[in-house]
Amino acid sequence: GTLRVVVSATGTRAHSARPWLGDNAVHKLGDVLARLTSYRARSVDIDGCVYREGLSAVRIGGGIAGNVIPDAADVTVNFRFAPDRSVEQAYAHVREVFDGLDVDLELTDSAAGALPGLTRPAAAALVDAAGGQVRAKYGWTDVARFAALGIPAVNYGPGDPNLA
C-alpha cells in the first residue's frame, strides 16, 4: 500500500537580521527529518513474499525570501507499507512515528495494498505455468483494486523488477 502525508510546522515570521524575534518553522522540520533518518523499515513475509516497508521524505518546502525567518514549512512523506496493514493502520503508524513533535499531519493520498493471494486457484495456476520465482511487487499497481473486489490477480513480467 501507499500513502502520502504532509507534515507541517508553523512558527513566527521575522527578519533574518533579528532571528530571535521569530520562530523558525523550517528548523522544526529538523526533528521530522531526524525521525525519518533513524526509521527502521519493517520487513514482513506473507505467503513467501518478503515486503520491505519504506518511510521517506519526498518533498520539502518553506520560506518566502532569503532574508525572512519562515513561519510555515512542510515536508511530504511517502509511506510504502506491506499488504498486511490497512490504510488506517498505516496512517496510525505514521502518526506514531511523529508523535510528540510540534507538527501537524494531513493525509493527502492513500491506496491499500494487495495480499499475494497465491493460494487462489487462478493465481496458483499462473505461477505454476510460468515456473518463475515469486516475489513481492514493490510499487503500487491495479492488482490492489482487483484484490479489493475479490478478483484473483498477480503482477507478472520478464526481467529484473528493479529495472521495470
N, C-alpha and C. Protein backbone atom coordinates (compact mmCIF):
# COMPACT_ATOMS: atom_id res chain seq x y z
N GLY A 1 0.82 -1.18 0.00
CA GLY A 1 0.00 0.00 0.00
C GLY A 1 0.86 1.24 0.00
N THR A 2 0.21 2.35 -0.21
CA THR A 2 0.93 3.62 -0.25
C THR A 2 0.08 4.72 0.37
N LEU A 3 0.74 5.63 1.02
CA LEU A 3 0.05 6.85 1.48
C LEU A 3 1.04 7.99 1.52
N ARG A 4 0.49 9.18 1.35
CA ARG A 4 1.28 10.41 1.46
C ARG A 4 0.69 11.28 2.55
N VAL A 5 1.58 11.85 3.34
CA VAL A 5 1.20 12.72 4.44
C VAL A 5 2.02 14.00 4.32
N VAL A 6 1.35 15.14 4.47
CA VAL A 6 2.07 16.41 4.56
C VAL A 6 2.24 16.72 6.04
N VAL A 7 3.49 16.82 6.45
CA VAL A 7 3.83 17.16 7.83
C VAL A 7 4.20 18.64 7.83
N SER A 8 3.44 19.44 8.56
CA SER A 8 3.66 20.88 8.53
C SER A 8 3.99 21.44 9.90
N ALA A 9 4.81 22.47 9.87
CA ALA A 9 5.21 23.17 11.09
C ALA A 9 4.93 24.65 10.90
N THR A 10 4.58 25.30 11.98
CA THR A 10 4.36 26.74 11.94
C THR A 10 5.28 27.42 12.94
N GLY A 11 5.54 28.68 12.68
CA GLY A 11 6.39 29.47 13.56
C GLY A 11 5.97 30.92 13.50
N THR A 12 6.93 31.80 13.67
CA THR A 12 6.67 33.24 13.63
C THR A 12 7.67 33.87 12.67
N ARG A 13 7.15 34.60 11.70
CA ARG A 13 7.99 35.25 10.70
C ARG A 13 8.76 36.41 11.34
N ALA A 14 10.01 36.55 10.92
CA ALA A 14 10.86 37.66 11.38
C ALA A 14 11.93 37.92 10.32
N HIS A 15 12.56 39.06 10.41
CA HIS A 15 13.68 39.36 9.51
C HIS A 15 14.88 38.53 9.98
N SER A 16 15.66 38.03 9.03
CA SER A 16 16.79 37.17 9.40
C SER A 16 17.90 37.92 10.13
N ALA A 17 17.88 39.24 10.10
CA ALA A 17 18.84 40.02 10.89
C ALA A 17 18.46 40.01 12.36
N ARG A 18 17.22 39.63 12.66
CA ARG A 18 16.72 39.55 14.04
C ARG A 18 15.99 38.22 14.25
N PRO A 19 16.69 37.10 14.09
CA PRO A 19 16.02 35.80 14.15
C PRO A 19 15.40 35.50 15.52
N TRP A 20 15.92 36.12 16.57
CA TRP A 20 15.38 35.89 17.91
C TRP A 20 13.95 36.40 18.06
N LEU A 21 13.51 37.22 17.12
CA LEU A 21 12.13 37.72 17.16
C LEU A 21 11.16 36.74 16.49
N GLY A 22 11.69 35.72 15.86
CA GLY A 22 10.86 34.75 15.16
C GLY A 22 10.96 33.36 15.76
N ASP A 23 10.27 32.46 15.12
CA ASP A 23 10.28 31.04 15.48
C ASP A 23 10.33 30.28 14.15
N ASN A 24 11.48 29.71 13.83
CA ASN A 24 11.75 29.17 12.51
C ASN A 24 11.03 27.84 12.27
N ALA A 25 10.04 27.86 11.38
CA ALA A 25 9.27 26.66 11.07
C ALA A 25 10.12 25.61 10.37
N VAL A 26 11.07 26.03 9.54
CA VAL A 26 11.94 25.07 8.86
C VAL A 26 12.76 24.29 9.87
N HIS A 27 13.26 24.96 10.89
CA HIS A 27 14.06 24.27 11.91
C HIS A 27 13.24 23.19 12.61
N LYS A 28 11.96 23.43 12.80
CA LYS A 28 11.10 22.42 13.45
C LYS A 28 11.03 21.14 12.63
N LEU A 29 11.20 21.26 11.32
CA LEU A 29 11.17 20.06 10.48
C LEU A 29 12.43 19.22 10.65
N GLY A 30 13.45 19.78 11.27
CA GLY A 30 14.66 19.01 11.54
C GLY A 30 14.36 17.77 12.36
N ASP A 31 13.46 17.88 13.32
CA ASP A 31 13.07 16.72 14.13
C ASP A 31 12.33 15.69 13.29
N VAL A 32 11.54 16.15 12.34
CA VAL A 32 10.84 15.24 11.43
C VAL A 32 11.86 14.47 10.60
N LEU A 33 12.82 15.19 10.03
CA LEU A 33 13.84 14.55 9.20
C LEU A 33 14.71 13.60 10.02
N ALA A 34 14.98 13.96 11.26
CA ALA A 34 15.76 13.07 12.13
C ALA A 34 15.01 11.76 12.38
N ARG A 35 13.72 11.85 12.59
CA ARG A 35 12.92 10.62 12.79
C ARG A 35 12.94 9.76 11.52
N LEU A 36 12.84 10.40 10.37
CA LEU A 36 12.89 9.65 9.11
C LEU A 36 14.25 9.00 8.91
N THR A 37 15.31 9.73 9.25
CA THR A 37 16.66 9.19 9.10
C THR A 37 16.89 7.98 9.99
N SER A 38 16.36 8.01 11.19
CA SER A 38 16.57 6.90 12.13
C SER A 38 15.52 5.79 11.99
N TYR A 39 14.53 5.97 11.14
CA TYR A 39 13.46 4.99 10.97
C TYR A 39 14.02 3.67 10.45
N ARG A 40 13.59 2.60 11.04
CA ARG A 40 13.98 1.26 10.61
C ARG A 40 12.77 0.59 9.97
N ALA A 41 12.88 0.35 8.68
CA ALA A 41 11.77 -0.23 7.93
C ALA A 41 11.51 -1.67 8.37
N ARG A 42 10.24 -2.00 8.44
CA ARG A 42 9.81 -3.35 8.78
C ARG A 42 9.81 -4.20 7.52
N SER A 43 10.25 -5.44 7.64
CA SER A 43 10.10 -6.43 6.58
C SER A 43 9.17 -7.51 7.10
N VAL A 44 8.28 -7.95 6.23
CA VAL A 44 7.31 -8.97 6.65
C VAL A 44 7.16 -9.98 5.52
N ASP A 45 7.11 -11.27 5.89
CA ASP A 45 6.94 -12.36 4.93
C ASP A 45 5.46 -12.74 4.90
N ILE A 46 4.87 -12.64 3.72
CA ILE A 46 3.47 -13.02 3.52
C ILE A 46 3.43 -13.98 2.34
N ASP A 47 3.01 -15.20 2.59
CA ASP A 47 2.91 -16.23 1.53
C ASP A 47 4.23 -16.41 0.79
N GLY A 48 5.35 -16.30 1.50
CA GLY A 48 6.65 -16.48 0.87
C GLY A 48 7.18 -15.26 0.14
N CYS A 49 6.43 -14.18 0.16
CA CYS A 49 6.88 -12.91 -0.45
C CYS A 49 7.31 -11.97 0.67
N VAL A 50 8.51 -11.44 0.57
CA VAL A 50 9.00 -10.53 1.60
C VAL A 50 8.75 -9.09 1.15
N TYR A 51 8.00 -8.39 1.97
CA TYR A 51 7.68 -6.98 1.72
C TYR A 51 8.51 -6.13 2.66
N ARG A 52 9.23 -5.17 2.11
CA ARG A 52 10.01 -4.24 2.92
C ARG A 52 9.35 -2.87 2.83
N GLU A 53 8.97 -2.36 3.98
CA GLU A 53 8.30 -1.07 4.02
C GLU A 53 9.32 0.07 3.90
N GLY A 54 8.81 1.25 3.59
CA GLY A 54 9.68 2.42 3.49
C GLY A 54 8.93 3.68 3.86
N LEU A 55 9.59 4.54 4.62
CA LEU A 55 9.04 5.83 5.04
C LEU A 55 10.05 6.89 4.63
N SER A 56 9.67 7.74 3.66
CA SER A 56 10.64 8.65 3.05
C SER A 56 10.09 10.05 2.86
N ALA A 57 10.95 11.03 3.07
CA ALA A 57 10.63 12.41 2.69
C ALA A 57 10.76 12.47 1.17
N VAL A 58 9.73 13.01 0.50
CA VAL A 58 9.76 13.10 -0.95
C VAL A 58 9.69 14.54 -1.47
N ARG A 59 9.39 15.47 -0.59
CA ARG A 59 9.33 16.89 -0.96
C ARG A 59 9.41 17.72 0.31
N ILE A 60 10.06 18.88 0.21
CA ILE A 60 10.12 19.78 1.35
C ILE A 60 9.98 21.22 0.86
N GLY A 61 9.31 22.04 1.64
CA GLY A 61 9.11 23.43 1.23
C GLY A 61 8.97 24.34 2.43
N GLY A 62 9.29 25.60 2.20
CA GLY A 62 9.12 26.59 3.26
C GLY A 62 9.89 27.86 2.95
N GLY A 63 9.44 28.92 3.55
CA GLY A 63 10.11 30.20 3.40
C GLY A 63 9.57 31.00 2.24
N ILE A 64 9.74 32.33 2.35
CA ILE A 64 9.25 33.22 1.30
C ILE A 64 10.36 34.07 0.69
N ALA A 65 11.49 34.19 1.38
CA ALA A 65 12.58 35.02 0.87
C ALA A 65 13.88 34.63 1.58
N GLY A 66 14.99 35.03 1.00
CA GLY A 66 16.29 34.69 1.56
C GLY A 66 16.67 35.45 2.81
N ASN A 67 15.85 36.40 3.22
CA ASN A 67 16.17 37.17 4.42
C ASN A 67 15.01 37.19 5.42
N VAL A 68 14.17 36.15 5.36
CA VAL A 68 12.99 36.08 6.24
C VAL A 68 12.98 34.73 6.96
N ILE A 69 12.85 34.76 8.28
CA ILE A 69 12.66 33.54 9.05
C ILE A 69 11.27 33.00 8.69
N PRO A 70 11.19 31.76 8.21
CA PRO A 70 9.90 31.24 7.74
C PRO A 70 8.93 30.92 8.88
N ASP A 71 7.68 31.29 8.64
CA ASP A 71 6.62 30.99 9.61
C ASP A 71 5.83 29.74 9.24
N ALA A 72 6.16 29.12 8.11
CA ALA A 72 5.49 27.89 7.70
C ALA A 72 6.45 27.05 6.87
N ALA A 73 6.40 25.75 7.08
CA ALA A 73 7.22 24.81 6.32
C ALA A 73 6.54 23.45 6.34
N ASP A 74 6.82 22.66 5.32
CA ASP A 74 6.22 21.33 5.30
C ASP A 74 7.13 20.34 4.58
N VAL A 75 6.95 19.10 4.93
CA VAL A 75 7.63 18.00 4.25
C VAL A 75 6.57 16.97 3.89
N THR A 76 6.61 16.52 2.64
CA THR A 76 5.71 15.46 2.22
C THR A 76 6.41 14.14 2.45
N VAL A 77 5.72 13.23 3.12
CA VAL A 77 6.27 11.93 3.48
C VAL A 77 5.46 10.85 2.77
N ASN A 78 6.16 9.91 2.14
CA ASN A 78 5.53 8.78 1.49
C ASN A 78 5.81 7.53 2.31
N PHE A 79 4.77 6.77 2.62
CA PHE A 79 4.91 5.51 3.34
C PHE A 79 4.44 4.39 2.43
N ARG A 80 5.35 3.49 2.09
CA ARG A 80 5.01 2.27 1.35
C ARG A 80 4.94 1.16 2.38
N PHE A 81 3.76 0.56 2.49
CA PHE A 81 3.54 -0.41 3.56
C PHE A 81 3.11 -1.76 3.02
N ALA A 82 3.44 -2.79 3.81
CA ALA A 82 3.12 -4.17 3.44
C ALA A 82 1.60 -4.38 3.43
N PRO A 83 1.13 -5.33 2.63
CA PRO A 83 -0.31 -5.52 2.49
C PRO A 83 -1.01 -6.14 3.70
N ASP A 84 -0.27 -6.43 4.75
CA ASP A 84 -0.94 -6.89 5.97
C ASP A 84 -1.44 -5.72 6.82
N ARG A 85 -1.17 -4.50 6.39
CA ARG A 85 -1.69 -3.30 7.06
C ARG A 85 -2.79 -2.68 6.20
N SER A 86 -3.82 -2.19 6.86
CA SER A 86 -4.83 -1.38 6.17
C SER A 86 -4.31 0.05 6.06
N VAL A 87 -4.98 0.86 5.27
CA VAL A 87 -4.61 2.28 5.18
C VAL A 87 -4.70 2.92 6.57
N GLU A 88 -5.75 2.58 7.31
CA GLU A 88 -5.94 3.16 8.64
C GLU A 88 -4.79 2.77 9.58
N GLN A 89 -4.38 1.50 9.53
CA GLN A 89 -3.26 1.06 10.36
C GLN A 89 -1.96 1.73 9.94
N ALA A 90 -1.77 1.90 8.64
CA ALA A 90 -0.56 2.55 8.14
C ALA A 90 -0.51 4.01 8.58
N TYR A 91 -1.63 4.71 8.49
CA TYR A 91 -1.67 6.11 8.90
C TYR A 91 -1.44 6.23 10.40
N ALA A 92 -2.00 5.31 11.18
CA ALA A 92 -1.76 5.31 12.62
C ALA A 92 -0.27 5.12 12.92
N HIS A 93 0.39 4.27 12.14
CA HIS A 93 1.82 4.04 12.32
C HIS A 93 2.61 5.33 12.04
N VAL A 94 2.26 6.02 10.97
CA VAL A 94 2.95 7.27 10.63
C VAL A 94 2.74 8.31 11.73
N ARG A 95 1.51 8.41 12.22
CA ARG A 95 1.25 9.35 13.33
C ARG A 95 2.10 9.00 14.55
N GLU A 96 2.26 7.72 14.80
CA GLU A 96 3.07 7.26 15.94
C GLU A 96 4.54 7.66 15.75
N VAL A 97 5.05 7.54 14.53
CA VAL A 97 6.45 7.90 14.25
C VAL A 97 6.72 9.36 14.61
N PHE A 98 5.75 10.24 14.34
CA PHE A 98 5.95 11.68 14.58
C PHE A 98 5.31 12.17 15.87
N ASP A 99 4.85 11.25 16.70
CA ASP A 99 4.21 11.62 17.96
C ASP A 99 5.15 12.45 18.82
N GLY A 100 4.61 13.48 19.44
CA GLY A 100 5.38 14.32 20.35
C GLY A 100 6.07 15.50 19.69
N LEU A 101 6.05 15.57 18.36
CA LEU A 101 6.66 16.70 17.67
C LEU A 101 5.65 17.83 17.50
N ASP A 102 6.15 19.04 17.38
CA ASP A 102 5.30 20.23 17.22
C ASP A 102 4.96 20.41 15.74
N VAL A 103 4.20 19.44 15.20
CA VAL A 103 3.84 19.44 13.78
C VAL A 103 2.40 18.96 13.63
N ASP A 104 1.84 19.25 12.46
CA ASP A 104 0.51 18.74 12.09
C ASP A 104 0.68 17.78 10.93
N LEU A 105 -0.18 16.77 10.88
CA LEU A 105 -0.16 15.80 9.80
C LEU A 105 -1.47 15.86 9.03
N GLU A 106 -1.35 15.78 7.71
CA GLU A 106 -2.53 15.73 6.85
C GLU A 106 -2.35 14.60 5.84
N LEU A 107 -3.24 13.63 5.89
CA LEU A 107 -3.23 12.53 4.92
C LEU A 107 -3.77 13.07 3.60
N THR A 108 -2.96 13.03 2.55
CA THR A 108 -3.37 13.62 1.28
C THR A 108 -3.69 12.60 0.20
N ASP A 109 -3.20 11.37 0.35
CA ASP A 109 -3.42 10.36 -0.67
C ASP A 109 -3.14 8.99 -0.05
N SER A 110 -3.94 8.00 -0.43
CA SER A 110 -3.69 6.66 0.07
C SER A 110 -4.32 5.62 -0.85
N ALA A 111 -3.74 4.44 -0.83
CA ALA A 111 -4.30 3.29 -1.55
C ALA A 111 -3.84 2.03 -0.84
N ALA A 112 -4.77 1.15 -0.57
CA ALA A 112 -4.45 -0.11 0.10
C ALA A 112 -3.61 -0.99 -0.81
N GLY A 113 -2.84 -1.88 -0.19
CA GLY A 113 -2.08 -2.86 -0.95
C GLY A 113 -2.91 -4.11 -1.18
N ALA A 114 -2.30 -5.10 -1.78
CA ALA A 114 -3.00 -6.36 -2.06
C ALA A 114 -2.19 -7.52 -1.49
N LEU A 115 -2.86 -8.37 -0.74
CA LEU A 115 -2.21 -9.60 -0.29
C LEU A 115 -1.88 -10.44 -1.51
N PRO A 116 -0.82 -11.27 -1.46
CA PRO A 116 -0.41 -12.02 -2.64
C PRO A 116 -1.51 -12.91 -3.23
N GLY A 117 -2.29 -13.56 -2.39
CA GLY A 117 -3.37 -14.41 -2.91
C GLY A 117 -2.88 -15.59 -3.73
N LEU A 118 -1.70 -16.07 -3.43
CA LEU A 118 -1.12 -17.14 -4.24
C LEU A 118 -1.80 -18.49 -4.05
N THR A 119 -2.66 -18.59 -3.05
CA THR A 119 -3.40 -19.84 -2.85
C THR A 119 -4.68 -19.88 -3.69
N ARG A 120 -5.06 -18.75 -4.28
CA ARG A 120 -6.23 -18.73 -5.17
C ARG A 120 -5.91 -19.57 -6.41
N PRO A 121 -6.83 -20.41 -6.85
CA PRO A 121 -6.55 -21.31 -7.98
C PRO A 121 -6.01 -20.62 -9.24
N ALA A 122 -6.59 -19.51 -9.63
CA ALA A 122 -6.14 -18.83 -10.86
C ALA A 122 -4.71 -18.32 -10.71
N ALA A 123 -4.39 -17.73 -9.56
CA ALA A 123 -3.04 -17.22 -9.33
C ALA A 123 -2.05 -18.37 -9.25
N ALA A 124 -2.42 -19.43 -8.53
CA ALA A 124 -1.54 -20.59 -8.40
C ALA A 124 -1.27 -21.23 -9.76
N ALA A 125 -2.29 -21.28 -10.61
CA ALA A 125 -2.12 -21.87 -11.95
C ALA A 125 -1.15 -21.04 -12.79
N LEU A 126 -1.24 -19.73 -12.71
CA LEU A 126 -0.32 -18.88 -13.47
C LEU A 126 1.11 -19.05 -12.98
N VAL A 127 1.28 -19.05 -11.68
CA VAL A 127 2.62 -19.23 -11.12
C VAL A 127 3.19 -20.57 -11.54
N ASP A 128 2.37 -21.62 -11.49
CA ASP A 128 2.81 -22.96 -11.88
C ASP A 128 3.17 -23.00 -13.36
N ALA A 129 2.34 -22.41 -14.20
CA ALA A 129 2.58 -22.43 -15.65
C ALA A 129 3.82 -21.63 -16.02
N ALA A 130 4.02 -20.51 -15.36
CA ALA A 130 5.16 -19.64 -15.68
C ALA A 130 6.46 -20.20 -15.15
N GLY A 131 6.38 -20.93 -14.04
CA GLY A 131 7.57 -21.52 -13.46
C GLY A 131 8.59 -20.51 -12.96
N GLY A 132 8.13 -19.33 -12.74
CA GLY A 132 9.04 -18.28 -12.30
C GLY A 132 9.16 -18.19 -10.79
N GLN A 133 10.06 -17.33 -10.37
CA GLN A 133 10.24 -17.08 -8.95
C GLN A 133 9.19 -16.08 -8.49
N VAL A 134 8.53 -16.39 -7.40
CA VAL A 134 7.51 -15.50 -6.85
C VAL A 134 8.18 -14.56 -5.84
N ARG A 135 7.90 -13.27 -5.99
CA ARG A 135 8.44 -12.30 -5.04
C ARG A 135 7.47 -11.12 -4.94
N ALA A 136 7.64 -10.37 -3.89
CA ALA A 136 6.79 -9.20 -3.65
C ALA A 136 6.99 -8.18 -4.76
N LYS A 137 5.91 -7.49 -5.11
CA LYS A 137 5.96 -6.38 -6.07
C LYS A 137 6.11 -5.10 -5.27
N TYR A 138 7.22 -4.40 -5.48
CA TYR A 138 7.43 -3.11 -4.83
C TYR A 138 6.93 -2.03 -5.77
N GLY A 139 5.91 -1.35 -5.35
CA GLY A 139 5.26 -0.35 -6.19
C GLY A 139 3.79 -0.72 -6.29
N TRP A 140 2.96 0.28 -6.18
CA TRP A 140 1.52 0.03 -6.19
C TRP A 140 1.05 -0.21 -7.62
N THR A 141 0.16 -1.20 -7.81
CA THR A 141 -0.42 -1.47 -9.13
C THR A 141 -1.92 -1.71 -8.97
N ASP A 142 -2.60 -1.84 -10.10
CA ASP A 142 -4.05 -2.09 -10.09
C ASP A 142 -4.42 -3.45 -9.52
N VAL A 143 -3.45 -4.32 -9.29
CA VAL A 143 -3.75 -5.60 -8.65
C VAL A 143 -4.47 -5.36 -7.32
N ALA A 144 -4.13 -4.29 -6.63
CA ALA A 144 -4.81 -3.98 -5.36
C ALA A 144 -6.29 -3.72 -5.58
N ARG A 145 -6.64 -3.08 -6.68
CA ARG A 145 -8.06 -2.83 -6.98
C ARG A 145 -8.80 -4.15 -7.22
N PHE A 146 -8.16 -5.04 -7.98
CA PHE A 146 -8.78 -6.34 -8.23
C PHE A 146 -8.95 -7.12 -6.93
N ALA A 147 -7.91 -7.11 -6.10
CA ALA A 147 -7.95 -7.84 -4.83
C ALA A 147 -9.09 -7.34 -3.96
N ALA A 148 -9.30 -6.03 -3.94
CA ALA A 148 -10.39 -5.45 -3.13
C ALA A 148 -11.76 -5.93 -3.61
N LEU A 149 -11.85 -6.31 -4.88
CA LEU A 149 -13.11 -6.81 -5.44
C LEU A 149 -13.19 -8.33 -5.40
N GLY A 150 -12.17 -8.98 -4.82
CA GLY A 150 -12.16 -10.43 -4.72
C GLY A 150 -11.77 -11.13 -6.01
N ILE A 151 -11.17 -10.40 -6.94
CA ILE A 151 -10.75 -10.96 -8.22
C ILE A 151 -9.28 -11.34 -8.13
N PRO A 152 -8.94 -12.62 -8.34
CA PRO A 152 -7.53 -13.01 -8.26
C PRO A 152 -6.71 -12.31 -9.34
N ALA A 153 -5.57 -11.80 -8.97
CA ALA A 153 -4.70 -11.10 -9.91
C ALA A 153 -3.27 -11.15 -9.40
N VAL A 154 -2.33 -11.15 -10.33
CA VAL A 154 -0.91 -11.10 -9.98
C VAL A 154 -0.22 -10.13 -10.93
N ASN A 155 0.90 -9.61 -10.50
CA ASN A 155 1.78 -8.85 -11.39
C ASN A 155 2.73 -9.86 -12.01
N TYR A 156 2.90 -9.79 -13.31
CA TYR A 156 3.76 -10.75 -14.00
C TYR A 156 4.51 -10.03 -15.10
N GLY A 157 5.80 -10.31 -15.20
CA GLY A 157 6.57 -9.72 -16.28
C GLY A 157 7.98 -10.27 -16.31
N PRO A 158 8.67 -10.03 -17.41
CA PRO A 158 10.02 -10.55 -17.57
C PRO A 158 11.06 -9.66 -16.90
N GLY A 159 12.20 -10.24 -16.65
CA GLY A 159 13.34 -9.45 -16.23
C GLY A 159 13.36 -9.07 -14.76
N ASP A 160 14.29 -8.19 -14.45
CA ASP A 160 14.52 -7.73 -13.09
C ASP A 160 13.49 -6.66 -12.74
N PRO A 161 12.66 -6.90 -11.71
CA PRO A 161 11.64 -5.90 -11.36
C PRO A 161 12.24 -4.58 -10.89
N ASN A 162 13.49 -4.58 -10.47
CA ASN A 162 14.12 -3.32 -10.07
C ASN A 162 14.42 -2.42 -11.27
N LEU A 163 14.35 -2.99 -12.46
CA LEU A 163 14.62 -2.23 -13.67
C LEU A 163 13.34 -1.92 -14.44
N ALA A 164 12.22 -2.43 -13.98
CA ALA A 164 10.95 -2.25 -14.71
C ALA A 164 10.34 -0.90 -14.40
